[in-house]
Amino acid sequence: MSKRRLKGWKEIPMGGMVTEPGSSVEFDVSAWRTFKPVIDQSKCTKCGLCWIYCPEAAIVIKEDGRYEVDLTFCKGCGICERACAPRAITMVKEESA
């Protein structure tokens, strides 16, 4: 993960709005996380609810059909865990670097 300088409060648009389409991919929200989702592949039924409900598109579908979390885009909100009917996703404490 590359270290980028975070914008100061004077540089962020009012309300933290995304002012240009697609510009949100330029922001690394992973530093916001205190918990991260871990998917137990043995419990995952590949229903796709985590993928549908993730507000950051941090859940990706691999070529073999498995679901994984792209931690670059995950901010640790836990919506995927709550959406997961078979309880295959668990939010675990983020380890300090």
C-alpha atoms as a PDB file:
ATOM      1  CA  MET A   1       0.000   0.000   0.000  1.00  0.00           C
ATOM      2  CA  SER A   2       1.459   3.354  -1.001  1.00  0.00           C
ATOM      3  CA  LYS A   3       1.704   6.167   1.503  1.00  0.00           C
ATOM      4  CA  ARG A   4      -0.134   9.221   0.192  1.00  0.00           C
ATOM      5  CA  ARG A   5      -0.500  12.534   1.917  1.00  0.00           C
ATOM      6  CA  LEU A   6      -4.025  12.923   3.259  1.00  0.00           C
ATOM      7  CA  LYS A   7      -5.821  16.129   2.360  1.00  0.00           C
ATOM      8  CA  GLY A   8      -6.340  18.656   5.119  1.00  0.00           C
ATOM      9  CA  TRP A   9      -9.749  19.996   6.102  1.00  0.00           C
ATOM     10  CA  LYS A  10      -9.310  23.057   3.871  1.00  0.00           C
ATOM     11  CA  GLU A  11      -8.640  20.875   0.816  1.00  0.00           C
ATOM     12  CA  ILE A  12     -11.657  18.556   1.152  1.00  0.00           C
ATOM     13  CA  PRO A  13     -14.888  19.649  -0.599  1.00  0.00           C
ATOM     14  CA  MET A  14     -17.679  20.828   1.702  1.00  0.00           C
ATOM     15  CA  GLY A  15     -19.477  17.837   3.197  1.00  0.00           C
ATOM     16  CA  GLY A  16     -16.812  15.489   1.822  1.00  0.00           C
ATOM     17  CA  MET A  17     -18.767  15.315  -1.440  1.00  0.00           C
ATOM     18  CA  VAL A  18     -17.452  13.446  -4.447  1.00  0.00           C
ATOM     19  CA  THR A  19     -17.294  16.278  -6.971  1.00  0.00           C
ATOM     20  CA  GLU A  20     -16.155  14.329 -10.034  1.00  0.00           C
ATOM     21  CA  PRO A  21     -17.513  10.951 -11.186  1.00  0.00           C
ATOM     22  CA  GLY A  22     -15.047   8.172 -10.428  1.00  0.00           C
ATOM     23  CA  SER A  23     -12.894  10.368  -8.210  1.00  0.00           C
ATOM     24  CA  SER A  24     -13.648   8.338  -5.078  1.00  0.00           C
ATOM     25  CA  VAL A  25     -11.250   5.636  -6.306  1.00  0.00           C
ATOM     26  CA  GLU A  26      -8.445   8.126  -5.669  1.00  0.00           C
ATOM     27  CA  PHE A  27      -9.069   8.112  -1.908  1.00  0.00           C
ATOM     28  CA  ASP A  28      -7.631   5.465   0.377  1.00  0.00           C
ATOM     29  CA  VAL A  29     -10.281   4.857   3.045  1.00  0.00           C
ATOM     30  CA  SER A  30      -8.522   1.826   4.519  1.00  0.00           C
ATOM     31  CA  ALA A  31      -6.968   3.991   7.270  1.00  0.00           C
ATOM     32  CA  TRP A  32     -10.482   4.575   8.690  1.00  0.00           C
ATOM     33  CA  ARG A  33     -10.841   0.903   9.542  1.00  0.00           C
ATOM     34  CA  THR A  34     -10.697  -0.460  13.089  1.00  0.00           C
ATOM     35  CA  PHE A  35     -12.282  -3.793  12.128  1.00  0.00           C
ATOM     36  CA  LYS A  36     -11.913  -5.719   8.879  1.00  0.00           C
ATOM     37  CA  PRO A  37     -14.126  -8.418   7.349  1.00  0.00           C
ATOM     38  CA  VAL A  38     -12.801 -11.952   7.038  1.00  0.00           C
ATOM     39  CA  ILE A  39     -14.704 -14.418   4.864  1.00  0.00           C
ATOM     40  CA  ASP A  40     -14.827 -18.074   5.952  1.00  0.00           C
ATOM     41  CA  GLN A  41     -14.919 -19.715   2.521  1.00  0.00           C
ATOM     42  CA  SER A  42     -16.205 -22.996   4.007  1.00  0.00           C
ATOM     43  CA  LYS A  43     -19.406 -21.228   5.158  1.00  0.00           C
ATOM     44  CA  CYS A  44     -19.836 -18.940   2.117  1.00  0.00           C
ATOM     45  CA  THR A  45     -22.768 -19.970  -0.104  1.00  0.00           C
ATOM     46  CA  LYS A  46     -21.809 -17.433  -2.812  1.00  0.00           C
ATOM     47  CA  CYS A  47     -25.220 -15.751  -2.511  1.00  0.00           C
ATOM     48  CA  GLY A  48     -23.690 -12.360  -3.317  1.00  0.00           C
ATOM     49  CA  LEU A  49     -25.480 -10.354  -0.621  1.00  0.00           C
ATOM     50  CA  CYS A  50     -22.173  -9.005   0.726  1.00  0.00           C
ATOM     51  CA  TRP A  51     -21.241  -7.873  -2.788  1.00  0.00           C
ATOM     52  CA  ILE A  52     -24.648  -6.222  -3.303  1.00  0.00           C
ATOM     53  CA  TYR A  53     -24.738  -4.371   0.019  1.00  0.00           C
ATOM     54  CA  CYS A  54     -21.091  -3.221   0.243  1.00  0.00           C
ATOM     55  CA  PRO A  55     -21.232   0.574  -0.213  1.00  0.00           C
ATOM     56  CA  GLU A  56     -17.598   0.766  -1.330  1.00  0.00           C
ATOM     57  CA  ALA A  57     -17.493  -2.148  -3.804  1.00  0.00           C
ATOM     58  CA  ALA A  58     -14.770  -3.692  -1.631  1.00  0.00           C
ATOM     59  CA  ILE A  59     -16.162  -7.204  -2.145  1.00  0.00           C
ATOM     60  CA  VAL A  60     -14.786  -8.724  -5.330  1.00  0.00           C
ATOM     61  CA  ILE A  61     -15.761 -11.916  -7.124  1.00  0.00           C
ATOM     62  CA  LYS A  62     -12.753 -13.984  -8.165  1.00  0.00           C
ATOM     63  CA  GLU A  63     -12.635 -16.014 -11.391  1.00  0.00           C
ATOM     64  CA  ASP A  64     -13.351 -19.220  -9.468  1.00  0.00           C
ATOM     65  CA  GLY A  65     -16.526 -17.693  -7.960  1.00  0.00           C
ATOM     66  CA  ARG A  66     -15.098 -17.024  -4.480  1.00  0.00           C
ATOM     67  CA  TYR A  67     -15.793 -13.693  -2.807  1.00  0.00           C
ATOM     68  CA  GLU A  68     -12.874 -11.752  -1.331  1.00  0.00           C
ATOM     69  CA  VAL A  69     -12.446  -8.376   0.349  1.00  0.00           C
ATOM     70  CA  ASP A  70     -10.275  -5.720  -1.288  1.00  0.00           C
ATOM     71  CA  LEU A  71      -8.976  -4.005   1.839  1.00  0.00           C
ATOM     72  CA  THR A  72      -7.829  -0.987  -0.194  1.00  0.00           C
ATOM     73  CA  PHE A  73     -11.462   0.099  -0.482  1.00  0.00           C
ATOM     74  CA  CYS A  74     -12.900  -1.375   2.735  1.00  0.00           C
ATOM     75  CA  LYS A  75     -13.552   1.154   5.489  1.00  0.00           C
ATOM     76  CA  GLY A  76     -14.716  -1.463   7.991  1.00  0.00           C
ATOM     77  CA  CYS A  77     -18.391  -0.498   8.229  1.00  0.00           C
ATOM     78  CA  GLY A  78     -19.540  -4.111   8.800  1.00  0.00           C
ATOM     79  CA  ILE A  79     -22.510  -3.967   6.410  1.00  0.00           C
ATOM     80  CA  CYS A  80     -21.225  -7.095   4.652  1.00  0.00           C
ATOM     81  CA  GLU A  81     -21.220  -9.008   7.948  1.00  0.00           C
ATOM     82  CA  ARG A  82     -24.802  -7.975   8.700  1.00  0.00           C
ATOM     83  CA  ALA A  83     -25.936  -8.888   5.163  1.00  0.00           C
ATOM     84  CA  CYS A  84     -24.324 -12.331   5.276  1.00  0.00           C
ATOM     85  CA  ALA A  85     -27.119 -14.850   5.978  1.00  0.00           C
ATOM     86  CA  PRO A  86     -24.868 -17.905   6.510  1.00  0.00           C
ATOM     87  CA  ARG A  87     -22.627 -15.870   8.883  1.00  0.00           C
ATOM     88  CA  ALA A  88     -19.549 -16.496   6.729  1.00  0.00           C
ATOM     89  CA  ILE A  89     -18.211 -12.978   7.330  1.00  0.00           C
ATOM     90  CA  THR A  90     -16.747 -11.945  10.669  1.00  0.00           C
ATOM     91  CA  MET A  91     -15.452  -8.496  11.549  1.00  0.00           C
ATOM     92  CA  VAL A  92     -12.091  -8.837  13.294  1.00  0.00           C
ATOM     93  CA  LYS A  93      -9.984  -6.193  15.017  1.00  0.00           C
ATOM     94  CA  GLU A  94      -7.510  -4.550  12.655  1.00  0.00           C
ATOM     95  CA  GLU A  95      -3.922  -5.187  13.780  1.00  0.00           C
ATOM     96  CA  SER A  96      -1.868  -2.062  14.375  1.00  0.00           C
ATOM     97  CA  ALA A  97       1.036  -1.624  11.988  1.00  0.00           C
END
